[in-house]
């Protein structure tokens, strides 16, 4: 089951929901959830391969991480409580700014 994490872009103030974990919506509805999140290209690609159940299963495990990592690359930062932020960083394999400064 996917876990939701709030993401905020500090330069624009836009808040979005990030996710990590298994995507039941991708598993059941193929690329439609990606398209509804504005991730049109990924949604089309997932939909094109929906005839292959193995691809759909793999994408259900990977899509939420791909989406949230893309948000981080676009400048979004975790904006939930600190415990939830740290859990999301660990689950997504994202190094925090604090850890970057220590190295």
Protein backbone atom coordinates (compact mmCIF):
# COMPACT_ATOMS: atom_id res chain seq x y z
CA UNK A 1 0.00 0.00 0.00
CA UNK A 2 1.27 3.45 -0.88
CA UNK A 3 2.12 6.00 1.76
CA UNK A 4 1.47 9.68 1.11
CA UNK A 5 4.00 12.43 1.89
CA UNK A 6 3.46 16.16 1.43
CA UNK A 7 5.89 17.90 -0.93
CA UNK A 8 6.32 21.67 -1.30
CA UNK A 9 8.24 23.67 -3.86
CA UNK A 10 9.88 26.48 -1.85
CA UNK A 11 10.25 28.80 -4.84
CA UNK A 12 6.63 28.57 -6.05
CA UNK A 13 4.83 27.53 -2.86
CA UNK A 14 2.98 24.76 -4.70
CA UNK A 15 2.15 21.77 -2.51
CA UNK A 16 1.73 18.30 -4.03
CA UNK A 17 1.30 14.80 -2.67
CA UNK A 18 4.22 12.44 -3.11
CA UNK A 19 3.92 8.70 -2.64
CA UNK A 20 6.09 5.70 -1.92
CA UNK A 21 5.29 2.01 -1.72
CA UNK A 22 3.16 -0.28 -3.88
CA UNK A 23 0.72 1.52 -6.20
CA UNK A 24 -2.57 -0.34 -6.26
CA UNK A 25 -4.01 2.28 -8.59
CA UNK A 26 -1.24 1.66 -11.14
CA UNK A 27 -1.71 -2.09 -10.74
CA UNK A 28 -5.48 -1.85 -11.34
CA UNK A 29 -5.71 1.06 -13.78
CA UNK A 30 -2.35 0.95 -15.59
CA UNK A 31 -1.19 4.44 -16.67
CA UNK A 32 -4.33 6.37 -15.77
CA UNK A 33 -3.10 7.42 -12.28
CA UNK A 34 0.15 8.74 -13.78
CA UNK A 35 -1.78 10.79 -16.35
CA UNK A 36 -4.08 12.17 -13.64
CA UNK A 37 -0.98 13.33 -11.70
CA UNK A 38 0.18 15.21 -14.80
CA UNK A 39 2.84 12.64 -15.67
CA UNK A 40 1.45 12.16 -19.18
CA UNK A 41 4.45 10.53 -20.91
CA UNK A 42 4.94 7.92 -18.19
CA UNK A 43 1.21 7.24 -18.14
CA UNK A 44 1.14 6.66 -21.89
CA UNK A 45 4.16 4.35 -21.70
CA UNK A 46 2.63 2.30 -18.88
CA UNK A 47 -0.66 2.10 -20.78
CA UNK A 48 1.09 0.97 -23.97
CA UNK A 49 2.57 -1.98 -22.09
CA UNK A 50 -0.53 -2.83 -20.05
CA UNK A 51 -1.08 -5.91 -22.23
CA UNK A 52 1.82 -7.47 -20.34
CA UNK A 53 0.79 -8.23 -16.73
CA UNK A 54 4.44 -8.51 -15.66
CA UNK A 55 5.15 -4.92 -16.77
CA UNK A 56 2.05 -3.70 -14.92
CA UNK A 57 3.16 -5.51 -11.76
CA UNK A 58 6.71 -4.09 -11.99
CA UNK A 59 5.39 -0.57 -12.56
CA UNK A 60 3.03 -0.93 -9.58
CA UNK A 61 6.12 -1.47 -7.41
CA UNK A 62 8.18 1.30 -9.05
CA UNK A 63 5.87 4.12 -10.14
CA UNK A 64 5.33 5.92 -6.81
CA UNK A 65 9.06 6.11 -6.20
CA UNK A 66 9.65 7.36 -9.75
CA UNK A 67 6.99 10.06 -9.36
CA UNK A 68 8.17 11.32 -5.97
CA UNK A 69 11.83 11.28 -7.02
CA UNK A 70 10.87 13.35 -10.07
CA UNK A 71 9.20 15.89 -7.75
CA UNK A 72 12.42 16.13 -5.70
CA UNK A 73 14.42 16.67 -8.91
CA UNK A 74 12.01 19.50 -9.82
CA UNK A 75 12.85 21.25 -6.53
CA UNK A 76 10.12 19.96 -4.24
CA UNK A 77 11.03 19.26 -0.64
CA UNK A 78 9.38 17.04 1.95
CA UNK A 79 6.88 19.18 3.86
CA UNK A 80 5.29 16.71 6.25
CA UNK A 81 6.32 16.21 9.90
CA UNK A 82 10.02 15.41 10.43
CA UNK A 83 9.44 11.75 11.26
CA UNK A 84 7.38 11.18 8.10
CA UNK A 85 9.95 13.13 6.06
CA UNK A 86 12.81 10.98 7.32
CA UNK A 87 10.93 7.72 6.70
CA UNK A 88 10.16 8.87 3.14
CA UNK A 89 13.82 9.81 2.53
CA UNK A 90 14.96 6.37 3.68
CA UNK A 91 12.30 4.47 1.70
CA UNK A 92 13.04 6.51 -1.45
CA UNK A 93 16.83 6.46 -1.00
CA UNK A 94 17.05 10.27 -1.01
CA UNK A 95 19.87 11.93 0.93
CA UNK A 96 18.70 14.95 2.92
CA UNK A 97 20.36 18.37 2.65
CA UNK A 98 21.53 17.99 6.25
CA UNK A 99 23.39 14.78 5.35
CA UNK A 100 24.95 16.48 2.30
CA UNK A 101 26.37 19.28 4.49
CA UNK A 102 27.87 16.77 6.92
CA UNK A 103 29.82 15.02 4.16
